[in-house]
Amino acid sequence: MKHRSTAGVLAAACIGASALLAAGAAQASTDDQRFTDAVATLNIPMAPDVDVPKVGRDVCGMITSGRATTVDPVRTVRGVVGTLEKSGMNRGQAVGLMRASVAVYCPEHGGIVGR
């Protein structure tokens, strides 16, 4: 009798884990689409072979790294915007891309990027 109870608990755990993994994948896809749509709305040109969601996640990585090395959030924001400008974006596009990245992928940094 205990064998059936254990099997039932294991089956329920597996089903629950599968549901969580599927929800995580769906959320990632939704976030990626939201970010891609935001970039398109902002008219930020990207080459056809660019992984647009990766760009957004990389921007969040730059912010995280900047915050780890300086307590000055202005320096971090300027560094990210400057890096994006060097890649060929104008200032407005760079700021828009940074804000979209934060809104979708790293909202914990929302306090330093302004509105």
PDB file of N, CA and C in Angstrom:
ATOM      1  N   MET A   1       0.819  -1.194   0.000  1.00  0.00           N
ATOM      2  CA  MET A   1       0.000   0.000   0.000  1.00  0.00           C
ATOM      3  C   MET A   1       0.868   1.265   0.000  1.00  0.00           C
ATOM      4  N   LYS A   2       1.971   1.251   0.734  1.00  0.00           N
ATOM      5  CA  LYS A   2       2.848   2.414   0.765  1.00  0.00           C
ATOM      6  C   LYS A   2       3.460   2.662  -0.605  1.00  0.00           C
ATOM      7  N   HIS A   3       3.695   1.592  -1.365  1.00  0.00           N
ATOM      8  CA  HIS A   3       4.282   1.729  -2.697  1.00  0.00           C
ATOM      9  C   HIS A   3       3.388   2.579  -3.589  1.00  0.00           C
ATOM     10  N   ARG A   4       2.079   2.357  -3.520  1.00  0.00           N
ATOM     11  CA  ARG A   4       1.156   3.141  -4.341  1.00  0.00           C
ATOM     12  C   ARG A   4       1.145   4.604  -3.900  1.00  0.00           C
ATOM     13  N   SER A   5       1.216   4.857  -2.614  1.00  0.00           N
ATOM     14  CA  SER A   5       1.230   6.236  -2.118  1.00  0.00           C
ATOM     15  C   SER A   5       2.486   6.955  -2.578  1.00  0.00           C
ATOM     16  N   THR A   6       3.608   6.277  -2.492  1.00  0.00           N
ATOM     17  CA  THR A   6       4.869   6.865  -2.931  1.00  0.00           C
ATOM     18  C   THR A   6       4.842   7.139  -4.424  1.00  0.00           C
ATOM     19  N   ALA A   7       4.323   6.192  -5.180  1.00  0.00           N
ATOM     20  CA  ALA A   7       4.235   6.375  -6.632  1.00  0.00           C
ATOM     21  C   ALA A   7       3.331   7.557  -6.962  1.00  0.00           C
ATOM     22  N   GLY A   8       2.241   7.704  -6.232  1.00  0.00           N
ATOM     23  CA  GLY A   8       1.330   8.826  -6.469  1.00  0.00           C
ATOM     24  C   GLY A   8       1.982  10.162  -6.161  1.00  0.00           C
ATOM     25  N   VAL A   9       2.724  10.215  -5.061  1.00  0.00           N
ATOM     26  CA  VAL A   9       3.416  11.447  -4.682  1.00  0.00           C
ATOM     27  C   VAL A   9       4.473  11.794  -5.724  1.00  0.00           C
ATOM     28  N   LEU A  10       5.232  10.787  -6.170  1.00  0.00           N
ATOM     29  CA  LEU A  10       6.259  11.027  -7.189  1.00  0.00           C
ATOM     30  C   LEU A  10       5.641  11.496  -8.501  1.00  0.00           C
ATOM     31  N   ALA A  11       4.536  10.889  -8.891  1.00  0.00           N
ATOM     32  CA  ALA A  11       3.867  11.293 -10.127  1.00  0.00           C
ATOM     33  C   ALA A  11       3.378  12.736 -10.019  1.00  0.00           C
ATOM     34  N   ALA A  12       2.801  13.086  -8.874  1.00  0.00           N
ATOM     35  CA  ALA A  12       2.318  14.454  -8.682  1.00  0.00           C
ATOM     36  C   ALA A  12       3.481  15.444  -8.707  1.00  0.00           C
ATOM     37  N   ALA A  13       4.599  15.071  -8.106  1.00  0.00           N
ATOM     38  CA  ALA A  13       5.772  15.945  -8.106  1.00  0.00           C
ATOM     39  C   ALA A  13       6.301  16.148  -9.518  1.00  0.00           C
ATOM     40  N   CYS A  14       6.337  15.085 -10.301  1.00  0.00           N
ATOM     41  CA  CYS A  14       6.809  15.186 -11.687  1.00  0.00           C
ATOM     42  C   CYS A  14       5.888  16.068 -12.519  1.00  0.00           C
ATOM     43  N   ILE A  15       4.591  15.917 -12.322  1.00  0.00           N
ATOM     44  CA  ILE A  15       3.630  16.742 -13.057  1.00  0.00           C
ATOM     45  C   ILE A  15       3.799  18.208 -12.658  1.00  0.00           C
ATOM     46  N   GLY A  16       3.958  18.458 -11.374  1.00  0.00           N
ATOM     47  CA  GLY A  16       4.153  19.833 -10.905  1.00  0.00           C
ATOM     48  C   GLY A  16       5.426  20.445 -11.454  1.00  0.00           C
ATOM     49  N   ALA A  17       6.510  19.679 -11.475  1.00  0.00           N
ATOM     50  CA  ALA A  17       7.774  20.176 -12.016  1.00  0.00           C
ATOM     51  C   ALA A  17       7.645  20.473 -13.501  1.00  0.00           C
ATOM     52  N   SER A  18       6.959  19.612 -14.218  1.00  0.00           N
ATOM     53  CA  SER A  18       6.756  19.840 -15.654  1.00  0.00           C
ATOM     54  C   SER A  18       5.968  21.118 -15.895  1.00  0.00           C
ATOM     55  N   ALA A  19       4.957  21.347 -15.082  1.00  0.00           N
ATOM     56  CA  ALA A  19       4.148  22.558 -15.236  1.00  0.00           C
ATOM     57  C   ALA A  19       4.981  23.805 -14.959  1.00  0.00           C
ATOM     58  N   LEU A  20       5.827  23.743 -13.933  1.00  0.00           N
ATOM     59  CA  LEU A  20       6.683  24.887 -13.622  1.00  0.00           C
ATOM     60  C   LEU A  20       7.671  25.159 -14.745  1.00  0.00           C
ATOM     61  N   LEU A  21       8.275  24.120 -15.287  1.00  0.00           N
ATOM     62  CA  LEU A  21       9.224  24.298 -16.386  1.00  0.00           C
ATOM     63  C   LEU A  21       8.531  24.868 -17.611  1.00  0.00           C
ATOM     64  N   ALA A  22       7.351  24.384 -17.911  1.00  0.00           N
ATOM     65  CA  ALA A  22       6.608  24.893 -19.067  1.00  0.00           C
ATOM     66  C   ALA A  22       6.235  26.352 -18.854  1.00  0.00           C
ATOM     67  N   ALA A  23       5.828  26.699 -17.645  1.00  0.00           N
ATOM     68  CA  ALA A  23       5.474  28.092 -17.355  1.00  0.00           C
ATOM     69  C   ALA A  23       6.697  28.984 -17.474  1.00  0.00           C
ATOM     70  N   GLY A  24       7.851  28.504 -17.011  1.00  0.00           N
ATOM     71  CA  GLY A  24       9.083  29.278 -17.136  1.00  0.00           C
ATOM     72  C   GLY A  24       9.460  29.505 -18.581  1.00  0.00           C
ATOM     73  N   ALA A  25       9.333  28.484 -19.402  1.00  0.00           N
ATOM     74  CA  ALA A  25       9.647  28.618 -20.825  1.00  0.00           C
ATOM     75  C   ALA A  25       8.670  29.568 -21.503  1.00  0.00           C
ATOM     76  N   ALA A  26       7.403  29.475 -21.141  1.00  0.00           N
ATOM     77  CA  ALA A  26       6.407  30.375 -21.730  1.00  0.00           C
ATOM     78  C   ALA A  26       6.689  31.812 -21.323  1.00  0.00           C
ATOM     79  N   GLN A  27       7.072  32.031 -20.080  1.00  0.00           N
ATOM     80  CA  GLN A  27       7.385  33.378 -19.609  1.00  0.00           C
ATOM     81  C   GLN A  27       8.594  33.925 -20.343  1.00  0.00           C
ATOM     82  N   ALA A  28       9.627  33.102 -20.527  1.00  0.00           N
ATOM     83  CA  ALA A  28      10.818  33.557 -21.242  1.00  0.00           C
ATOM     84  C   ALA A  28      10.456  33.966 -22.656  1.00  0.00           C
ATOM     85  N   SER A  29       9.653  33.165 -23.305  1.00  0.00           N
ATOM     86  CA  SER A  29       9.234  33.473 -24.665  1.00  0.00           C
ATOM     87  C   SER A  29       8.425  34.761 -24.694  1.00  0.00           C
ATOM     88  N   THR A  30       7.543  34.929 -23.737  1.00  0.00           N
ATOM     89  CA  THR A  30       6.729  36.137 -23.658  1.00  0.00           C
ATOM     90  C   THR A  30       7.609  37.358 -23.416  1.00  0.00           C
ATOM     91  N   ASP A  31       8.573  37.259 -22.498  1.00  0.00           N
ATOM     92  CA  ASP A  31       9.492  38.365 -22.241  1.00  0.00           C
ATOM     93  C   ASP A  31      10.296  38.702 -23.488  1.00  0.00           C
ATOM     94  N   ASP A  32      10.793  37.685 -24.162  1.00  0.00           N
ATOM     95  CA  ASP A  32      11.577  37.916 -25.375  1.00  0.00           C
ATOM     96  C   ASP A  32      10.742  38.629 -26.427  1.00  0.00           C
ATOM     97  N   GLN A  33       9.492  38.232 -26.571  1.00  0.00           N
ATOM     98  CA  GLN A  33       8.626  38.881 -27.555  1.00  0.00           C
ATOM     99  C   GLN A  33       8.315  40.312 -27.147  1.00  0.00           C
ATOM    100  N   ARG A  34       8.063  40.526 -25.862  1.00  0.00           N
ATOM    101  CA  ARG A  34       7.807  41.888 -25.372  1.00  0.00           C
ATOM    102  C   ARG A  34       8.989  42.798 -25.663  1.00  0.00           C
ATOM    103  N   PHE A  35      10.191  42.280 -25.423  1.00  0.00           N
ATOM    104  CA  PHE A  35      11.383  43.090 -25.654  1.00  0.00           C
ATOM    105  C   PHE A  35      11.579  43.357 -27.143  1.00  0.00           C
ATOM    106  N   THR A  36      11.431  42.330 -27.953  1.00  0.00           N
ATOM    107  CA  THR A  36      11.578  42.486 -29.402  1.00  0.00           C
ATOM    108  C   THR A  36      10.569  43.500 -29.932  1.00  0.00           C
ATOM    109  N   ASP A  37       9.341  43.431 -29.442  1.00  0.00           N
ATOM    110  CA  ASP A  37       8.310  44.391 -29.851  1.00  0.00           C
ATOM    111  C   ASP A  37       8.673  45.813 -29.419  1.00  0.00           C
ATOM    112  N   ALA A  38       9.219  45.950 -28.205  1.00  0.00           N
ATOM    113  CA  ALA A  38       9.608  47.278 -27.714  1.00  0.00           C
ATOM    114  C   ALA A  38      10.713  47.874 -28.577  1.00  0.00           C
ATOM    115  N   VAL A  39      11.686  47.058 -28.952  1.00  0.00           N
ATOM    116  CA  VAL A  39      12.780  47.529 -29.805  1.00  0.00           C
ATOM    117  C   VAL A  39      12.232  47.986 -31.152  1.00  0.00           C
ATOM    118  N   ALA A  40      11.300  47.230 -31.696  1.00  0.00           N
ATOM    119  CA  ALA A  40      10.688  47.605 -32.981  1.00  0.00           C
ATOM    120  C   ALA A  40       9.897  48.902 -32.843  1.00  0.00           C
ATOM    121  N   THR A  41       9.158  49.054 -31.752  1.00  0.00           N
ATOM    122  CA  THR A  41       8.369  50.266 -31.517  1.00  0.00           C
ATOM    123  C   THR A  41       9.267  51.493 -31.389  1.00  0.00           C
ATOM    124  N   LEU A  42      10.435  51.307 -30.790  1.00  0.00           N
ATOM    125  CA  LEU A  42      11.384  52.408 -30.619  1.00  0.00           C
ATOM    126  C   LEU A  42      12.174  52.703 -31.892  1.00  0.00           C
ATOM    127  N   ASN A  43      11.930  51.919 -32.941  1.00  0.00           N
ATOM    128  CA  ASN A  43      12.641  52.080 -34.219  1.00  0.00           C
ATOM    129  C   ASN A  43      14.155  51.982 -34.068  1.00  0.00           C
ATOM    130  N   ILE A  44      14.582  51.030 -33.255  1.00  0.00           N
ATOM    131  CA  ILE A  44      16.009  50.796 -33.081  1.00  0.00           C
ATOM    132  C   ILE A  44      16.418  49.737 -34.100  1.00  0.00           C
ATOM    133  N   PRO A  45      17.248  50.118 -35.066  1.00  0.00           N
ATOM    134  CA  PRO A  45      17.617  49.156 -36.106  1.00  0.00           C
ATOM    135  C   PRO A  45      18.529  48.061 -35.558  1.00  0.00           C
ATOM    136  N   MET A  46      18.228  46.847 -35.929  1.00  0.00           N
ATOM    137  CA  MET A  46      19.057  45.695 -35.572  1.00  0.00           C
ATOM    138  C   MET A  46      19.285  44.885 -36.843  1.00  0.00           C
ATOM    139  N   ALA A  47      20.488  44.376 -36.986  1.00  0.00           N
ATOM    140  CA  ALA A  47      20.784  43.522 -38.138  1.00  0.00           C
ATOM    141  C   ALA A  47      19.920  42.269 -38.055  1.00  0.00           C
ATOM    142  N   PRO A  48      19.573  41.686 -39.194  1.00  0.00           N
ATOM    143  CA  PRO A  48      18.693  40.510 -39.197  1.00  0.00           C
ATOM    144  C   PRO A  48      19.233  39.319 -38.399  1.00  0.00           C
ATOM    145  N   ASP A  49      20.544  39.200 -38.295  1.00  0.00           N
ATOM    146  CA  ASP A  49      21.126  38.048 -37.600  1.00  0.00           C
ATOM    147  C   ASP A  49      21.361  38.298 -36.110  1.00  0.00           C
ATOM    148  N   VAL A  50      20.943  39.450 -35.602  1.00  0.00           N
ATOM    149  CA  VAL A  50      21.141  39.782 -34.191  1.00  0.00           C
ATOM    150  C   VAL A  50      20.060  39.118 -33.351  1.00  0.00           C
ATOM    151  N   ASP A  51      20.479  38.497 -32.251  1.00  0.00           N
ATOM    152  CA  ASP A  51      19.553  37.922 -31.277  1.00  0.00           C
ATOM    153  C   ASP A  51      19.101  39.070 -30.369  1.00  0.00           C
ATOM    154  N   VAL A  52      17.995  39.688 -30.716  1.00  0.00           N
ATOM    155  CA  VAL A  52      17.534  40.900 -30.032  1.00  0.00           C
ATOM    156  C   VAL A  52      17.337  40.671 -28.530  1.00  0.00           C
ATOM    157  N   PRO A  53      16.678  39.596 -28.096  1.00  0.00           N
ATOM    158  CA  PRO A  53      16.546  39.382 -26.650  1.00  0.00           C
ATOM    159  C   PRO A  53      17.896  39.268 -25.932  1.00  0.00           C
ATOM    160  N   LYS A  54      18.888  38.686 -26.600  1.00  0.00           N
ATOM    161  CA  LYS A  54      20.220  38.582 -25.990  1.00  0.00           C
ATOM    162  C   LYS A  54      20.806  39.970 -25.756  1.00  0.00           C
ATOM    163  N   VAL A  55      20.568  40.884 -26.679  1.00  0.00           N
ATOM    164  CA  VAL A  55      21.039  42.258 -26.505  1.00  0.00           C
ATOM    165  C   VAL A  55      20.441  42.843 -25.224  1.00  0.00           C
ATOM    166  N   GLY A  56      19.157  42.639 -25.016  1.00  0.00           N
ATOM    167  CA  GLY A  56      18.509  43.138 -23.808  1.00  0.00           C
ATOM    168  C   GLY A  56      19.079  42.524 -22.545  1.00  0.00           C
ATOM    169  N   ARG A  57      19.310  41.219 -22.580  1.00  0.00           N
ATOM    170  CA  ARG A  57      19.900  40.560 -21.407  1.00  0.00           C
ATOM    171  C   ARG A  57      21.333  41.037 -21.182  1.00  0.00           C
ATOM    172  N   ASP A  58      22.069  41.301 -22.276  1.00  0.00           N
ATOM    173  CA  ASP A  58      23.434  41.817 -22.143  1.00  0.00           C
ATOM    174  C   ASP A  58      23.445  43.207 -21.515  1.00  0.00           C
ATOM    175  N   VAL A  59      22.467  44.031 -21.862  1.00  0.00           N
ATOM    176  CA  VAL A  59      22.361  45.356 -21.250  1.00  0.00           C
ATOM    177  C   VAL A  59      22.163  45.202 -19.743  1.00  0.00           C
ATOM    178  N   CYS A  60      21.311  44.283 -19.345  1.00  0.00           N
ATOM    179  CA  CYS A  60      21.114  44.036 -17.909  1.00  0.00           C
ATOM    180  C   CYS A  60      22.407  43.564 -17.256  1.00  0.00           C
ATOM    181  N   GLY A  61      23.164  42.749 -17.968  1.00  0.00           N
ATOM    182  CA  GLY A  61      24.462  42.303 -17.456  1.00  0.00           C
ATOM    183  C   GLY A  61      25.416  43.470 -17.254  1.00  0.00           C
ATOM    184  N   MET A  62      25.410  44.419 -18.195  1.00  0.00           N
ATOM    185  CA  MET A  62      26.263  45.604 -18.050  1.00  0.00           C
ATOM    186  C   MET A  62      25.854  46.420 -16.830  1.00  0.00           C
ATOM    187  N   ILE A  63      24.560  46.555 -16.618  1.00  0.00           N
ATOM    188  CA  ILE A  63      24.085  47.319 -15.458  1.00  0.00           C
ATOM    189  C   ILE A  63      24.477  46.609 -14.171  1.00  0.00           C
ATOM    190  N   THR A  64      24.280  45.307 -14.126  1.00  0.00           N
ATOM    191  CA  THR A  64      24.643  44.539 -12.937  1.00  0.00           C
ATOM    192  C   THR A  64      26.132  44.666 -12.647  1.00  0.00           C
ATOM    193  N   SER A  65      26.957  44.544 -13.681  1.00  0.00           N
ATOM    194  CA  SER A  65      28.412  44.682 -13.508  1.00  0.00           C
ATOM    195  C   SER A  65      28.776  46.082 -13.037  1.00  0.00           C
ATOM    196  N   GLY A  66      28.148  47.083 -13.628  1.00  0.00           N
ATOM    197  CA  GLY A  66      28.430  48.458 -13.239  1.00  0.00           C
ATOM    198  C   GLY A  66      28.069  48.739 -11.800  1.00  0.00           C
ATOM    199  N   ARG A  67      26.955  48.198 -11.370  1.00  0.00           N
ATOM    200  CA  ARG A  67      26.531  48.417  -9.981  1.00  0.00           C
ATOM    201  C   ARG A  67      27.430  47.688  -9.002  1.00  0.00           C
ATOM    202  N   ALA A  68      28.060  46.610  -9.460  1.00  0.00           N
ATOM    203  CA  ALA A  68      28.959  45.861  -8.579  1.00  0.00           C
ATOM    204  C   ALA A  68      30.293  46.582  -8.399  1.00  0.00           C
ATOM    205  N   THR A  69      30.645  47.451  -9.349  1.00  0.00           N
ATOM    206  CA  THR A  69      31.957  48.097  -9.286  1.00  0.00           C
ATOM    207  C   THR A  69      31.906  49.558  -8.867  1.00  0.00           C
ATOM    208  N   THR A  70      30.728  50.152  -8.809  1.00  0.00           N
ATOM    209  CA  THR A  70      30.615  51.545  -8.377  1.00  0.00           C
ATOM    210  C   THR A  70      29.298  51.751  -7.633  1.00  0.00           C
ATOM    211  N   VAL A  71      29.337  52.654  -6.671  1.00  0.00           N
ATOM    212  CA  VAL A  71      28.105  52.977  -5.952  1.00  0.00           C
ATOM    213  C   VAL A  71      27.354  54.108  -6.647  1.00  0.00           C
ATOM    214  N   ASP A  72      27.961  54.672  -7.677  1.00  0.00           N
ATOM    215  CA  ASP A  72      27.368  55.795  -8.397  1.00  0.00           C
ATOM    216  C   ASP A  72      26.506  55.288  -9.549  1.00  0.00           C
ATOM    217  N   PRO A  73      25.175  55.301  -9.389  1.00  0.00           N
ATOM    218  CA  PRO A  73      24.319  54.791 -10.457  1.00  0.00           C
ATOM    219  C   PRO A  73      24.401  55.617 -11.738  1.00  0.00           C
ATOM    220  N   VAL A  74      24.702  56.904 -11.614  1.00  0.00           N
ATOM    221  CA  VAL A  74      24.817  57.755 -12.798  1.00  0.00           C
ATOM    222  C   VAL A  74      25.968  57.269 -13.672  1.00  0.00           C
ATOM    223  N   ARG A  75      27.065  56.928 -13.056  1.00  0.00           N
ATOM    224  CA  ARG A  75      28.219  56.413 -13.805  1.00  0.00           C
ATOM    225  C   ARG A  75      27.848  55.116 -14.533  1.00  0.00           C
ATOM    226  N   THR A  76      27.098  54.261 -13.869  1.00  0.00           N
ATOM    227  CA  THR A  76      26.670  53.000 -14.488  1.00  0.00           C
ATOM    228  C   THR A  76      25.792  53.268 -15.704  1.00  0.00           C
ATOM    229  N   VAL A  77      24.800  54.130 -15.544  1.00  0.00           N
ATOM    230  CA  VAL A  77      23.885  54.439 -16.648  1.00  0.00           C
ATOM    231  C   VAL A  77      24.645  55.075 -17.804  1.00  0.00           C
ATOM    232  N   ARG A  78      25.511  56.023 -17.502  1.00  0.00           N
ATOM    233  CA  ARG A  78      26.300  56.665 -18.566  1.00  0.00           C
ATOM    234  C   ARG A  78      27.184  55.660 -19.289  1.00  0.00           C
ATOM    235  N   GLY A  79      27.744  54.733 -18.544  1.00  0.00           N
ATOM    236  CA  GLY A  79      28.583  53.710 -19.165  1.00  0.00           C
ATOM    237  C   GLY A  79      27.799  52.831 -20.123  1.00  0.00           C
ATOM    238  N   VAL A  80      26.614  52.427 -19.717  1.00  0.00           N
ATOM    239  CA  VAL A  80      25.773  51.585 -20.578  1.00  0.00           C
ATOM    240  C   VAL A  80      25.345  52.365 -21.816  1.00  0.00           C
ATOM    241  N   VAL A  81      24.868  53.585 -21.625  1.00  0.00           N
ATOM    242  CA  VAL A  81      24.427  54.403 -22.760  1.00  0.00           C
ATOM    243  C   VAL A  81      25.604  54.668 -23.700  1.00  0.00           C
ATOM    244  N   GLY A  82      26.763  54.972 -23.147  1.00  0.00           N
ATOM    245  CA  GLY A  82      27.948  55.208 -23.973  1.00  0.00           C
ATOM    246  C   GLY A  82      28.336  53.989 -24.792  1.00  0.00           C
ATOM    247  N   THR A  83      28.268  52.825 -24.179  1.00  0.00           N
ATOM    248  CA  THR A  83      28.581  51.582 -24.896  1.00  0.00           C
ATOM    249  C   THR A  83      27.604  51.361 -26.040  1.00  0.00           C
ATOM    250  N   LEU A  84      26.335  51.597 -25.790  1.00  0.00           N
ATOM    251  CA  LEU A  84      25.329  51.424 -26.839  1.00  0.00           C
ATOM    252  C   LEU A  84      25.514  52.446 -27.956  1.00  0.00           C
ATOM    253  N   GLU A  85      25.879  53.677 -27.595  1.00  0.00           N
ATOM    254  CA  GLU A  85      26.128  54.698 -28.619  1.00  0.00           C
ATOM    255  C   GLU A  85      27.313  54.310 -29.505  1.00  0.00           C
ATOM    256  N   LYS A  86      28.329  53.719 -28.908  1.00  0.00           N
ATOM    257  CA  LYS A  86      29.499  53.284 -29.685  1.00  0.00           C
ATOM    258  C   LYS A  86      29.141  52.184 -30.674  1.00  0.00           C
ATOM    259  N   SER A  87      28.041  51.491 -30.422  1.00  0.00           N
ATOM    260  CA  SER A  87      27.620  50.430 -31.343  1.00  0.00           C
ATOM    261  C   SER A  87      26.822  50.990 -32.521  1.00  0.00           C
ATOM    262  N   GLY A  88      26.614  52.320 -32.538  1.00  0.00           N
ATOM    263  CA  GLY A  88      25.942  52.939 -33.674  1.00  0.00           C
ATOM    264  C   GLY A  88      24.573  53.526 -33.390  1.00  0.00           C
ATOM    265  N   MET A  89      24.106  53.428 -32.163  1.00  0.00           N
ATOM    266  CA  MET A  89      22.801  54.001 -31.818  1.00  0.00           C
ATOM    267  C   MET A  89      22.968  55.468 -31.463  1.00  0.00           C
ATOM    268  N   ASN A  90      21.906  56.242 -31.681  1.00  0.00           N
ATOM    269  CA  ASN A  90      21.942  57.605 -31.162  1.00  0.00           C
ATOM    270  C   ASN A  90      21.562  57.552 -29.680  1.00  0.00           C
ATOM    271  N   ARG A  91      21.712  58.673 -29.010  1.00  0.00           N
ATOM    272  CA  ARG A  91      21.479  58.695 -27.557  1.00  0.00           C
ATOM    273  C   ARG A  91      20.058  58.268 -27.189  1.00  0.00           C
ATOM    274  N   GLY A  92      19.068  58.754 -27.909  1.00  0.00           N
ATOM    275  CA  GLY A  92      17.682  58.395 -27.617  1.00  0.00           C
ATOM    276  C   GLY A  92      17.431  56.906 -27.768  1.00  0.00           C
ATOM    277  N   GLN A  93      17.996  56.311 -28.813  1.00  0.00           N
ATOM    278  CA  GLN A  93      17.848  54.869 -29.020  1.00  0.00           C
ATOM    279  C   GLN A  93      18.536  54.093 -27.903  1.00  0.00           C
ATOM    280  N   ALA A  94      19.727  54.558 -27.510  1.00  0.00           N
ATOM    281  CA  ALA A  94      20.475  53.871 -26.453  1.00  0.00           C
ATOM    282  C   ALA A  94      19.710  53.903 -25.134  1.00  0.00           C
ATOM    283  N   VAL A  95      19.176  55.060 -24.798  1.00  0.00           N
ATOM    284  CA  VAL A  95      18.406  55.186 -23.555  1.00  0.00           C
ATOM    285  C   VAL A  95      17.141  54.339 -23.636  1.00  0.00           C
ATOM    286  N   GLY A  96      16.461  54.377 -24.777  1.00  0.00           N
ATOM    287  CA  GLY A  96      15.249  53.570 -24.951  1.00  0.00           C
ATOM    288  C   GLY A  96      15.524  52.086 -24.836  1.00  0.00           C
ATOM    289  N   LEU A  97      16.619  51.635 -25.445  1.00  0.00           N
ATOM    290  CA  LEU A  97      16.976  50.219 -25.368  1.00  0.00           C
ATOM    291  C   LEU A  97      17.298  49.817 -23.936  1.00  0.00           C
ATOM    292  N   MET A  98      18.025  50.679 -23.229  1.00  0.00           N
ATOM    293  CA  MET A  98      18.362  50.382 -21.838  1.00  0.00           C
ATOM    294  C   MET A  98      17.093  50.298 -20.989  1.00  0.00           C
ATOM    295  N   ARG A  99      16.194  51.238 -21.161  1.00  0.00           N
ATOM    296  CA  ARG A  99      14.951  51.228 -20.373  1.00  0.00           C
ATOM    297  C   ARG A  99      14.090  50.013 -20.694  1.00  0.00           C
ATOM    298  N   ALA A 100      14.008  49.658 -21.973  1.00  0.00           N
ATOM    299  CA  ALA A 100      13.231  48.469 -22.355  1.00  0.00           C
ATOM    300  C   ALA A 100      13.859  47.212 -21.767  1.00  0.00           C
ATOM    301  N   SER A 101      15.186  47.145 -21.791  1.00  0.00           N
ATOM    302  CA  SER A 101      15.888  45.988 -21.220  1.00  0.00           C
ATOM    303  C   SER A 101      15.567  45.840 -19.746  1.00  0.00           C
ATOM    304  N   VAL A 102      15.641  46.949 -19.030  1.00  0.00           N
ATOM    305  CA  VAL A 102      15.369  46.927 -17.593  1.00  0.00           C
ATOM    306  C   VAL A 102      13.914  46.560 -17.326  1.00  0.00           C
ATOM    307  N   ALA A 103      13.005  47.134 -18.083  1.00  0.00           N
ATOM    308  CA  ALA A 103      11.584  46.854 -17.865  1.00  0.00           C
ATOM    309  C   ALA A 103      11.255  45.381 -18.057  1.00  0.00           C
ATOM    310  N   VAL A 104      11.903  44.739 -19.023  1.00  0.00           N
ATOM    311  CA  VAL A 104      11.567  43.349 -19.339  1.00  0.00           C
ATOM    312  C   VAL A 104      12.442  42.356 -18.586  1.00  0.00           C
ATOM    313  N   TYR A 105      13.746  42.564 -18.577  1.00  0.00           N
ATOM    314  CA  TYR A 105      14.666  41.534 -18.084  1.00  0.00           C
ATOM    315  C   TYR A 105      15.247  41.770 -16.692  1.00  0.00           C
ATOM    316  N   CYS A 106      15.329  43.005 -16.253  1.00  0.00           N
ATOM    317  CA  CYS A 106      15.944  43.239 -14.933  1.00  0.00           C
ATOM    318  C   CYS A 106      15.263  44.413 -14.224  1.00  0.00           C
ATOM    319  N   PRO A 107      13.979  44.250 -13.910  1.00  0.00           N
ATOM    320  CA  PRO A 107      13.246  45.351 -13.270  1.00  0.00           C
ATOM    321  C   PRO A 107      13.821  45.766 -11.917  1.00  0.00           C
ATOM    322  N   GLU A 108      14.658  44.924 -11.340  1.00  0.00           N
ATOM    323  CA  GLU A 108      15.288  45.295 -10.071  1.00  0.00           C
ATOM    324  C   GLU A 108      16.191  46.516 -10.232  1.00  0.00           C
ATOM    325  N   HIS A 109      16.575  46.848 -11.462  1.00  0.00           N
ATOM    326  CA  HIS A 109      17.411  48.025 -11.721  1.00  0.00           C
ATOM    327  C   HIS A 109      16.586  49.242 -12.139  1.00  0.00           C
ATOM    328  N   GLY A 110      15.281  49.140 -12.054  1.00  0.00           N
ATOM    329  CA  GLY A 110      14.408  50.227 -12.487  1.00  0.00           C
ATOM    330  C   GLY A 110      14.666  51.546 -11.787  1.00  0.00           C
ATOM    331  N   GLY A 111      15.110  51.494 -10.562  1.00  0.00           N
ATOM    332  CA  GLY A 111      15.348  52.712  -9.804  1.00  0.00           C
ATOM    333  C   GLY A 111      16.501  53.554 -10.304  1.00  0.00           C
ATOM    334  N   ILE A 112      17.406  52.974 -11.077  1.00  0.00           N
ATOM    335  CA  ILE A 112      18.565  53.757 -11.505  1.00  0.00           C
ATOM    336  C   ILE A 112      18.460  54.279 -12.935  1.00  0.00           C
ATOM    337  N   VAL A 113      17.492  53.809 -13.706  1.00  0.00           N
ATOM    338  CA  VAL A 113      17.443  54.231 -15.108  1.00  0.00           C
ATOM    339  C   VAL A 113      16.472  55.378 -15.357  1.00  0.00           C
ATOM    340  N   GLY A 114      15.737  55.798 -14.372  1.00  0.00           N
ATOM    341  CA  GLY A 114      14.809  56.903 -14.564  1.00  0.00           C
ATOM    342  C   GLY A 114      13.559  56.470 -15.293  1.00  0.00           C
ATOM    343  N   ARG A 115      12.776  57.450 -15.653  1.00  0.00           N
ATOM    344  CA  ARG A 115      11.505  57.143 -16.311  1.00  0.00           C
ATOM    345  C   ARG A 115      11.500  57.619 -17.719  1.00  0.00           C
TER     346      ARG A 115
END
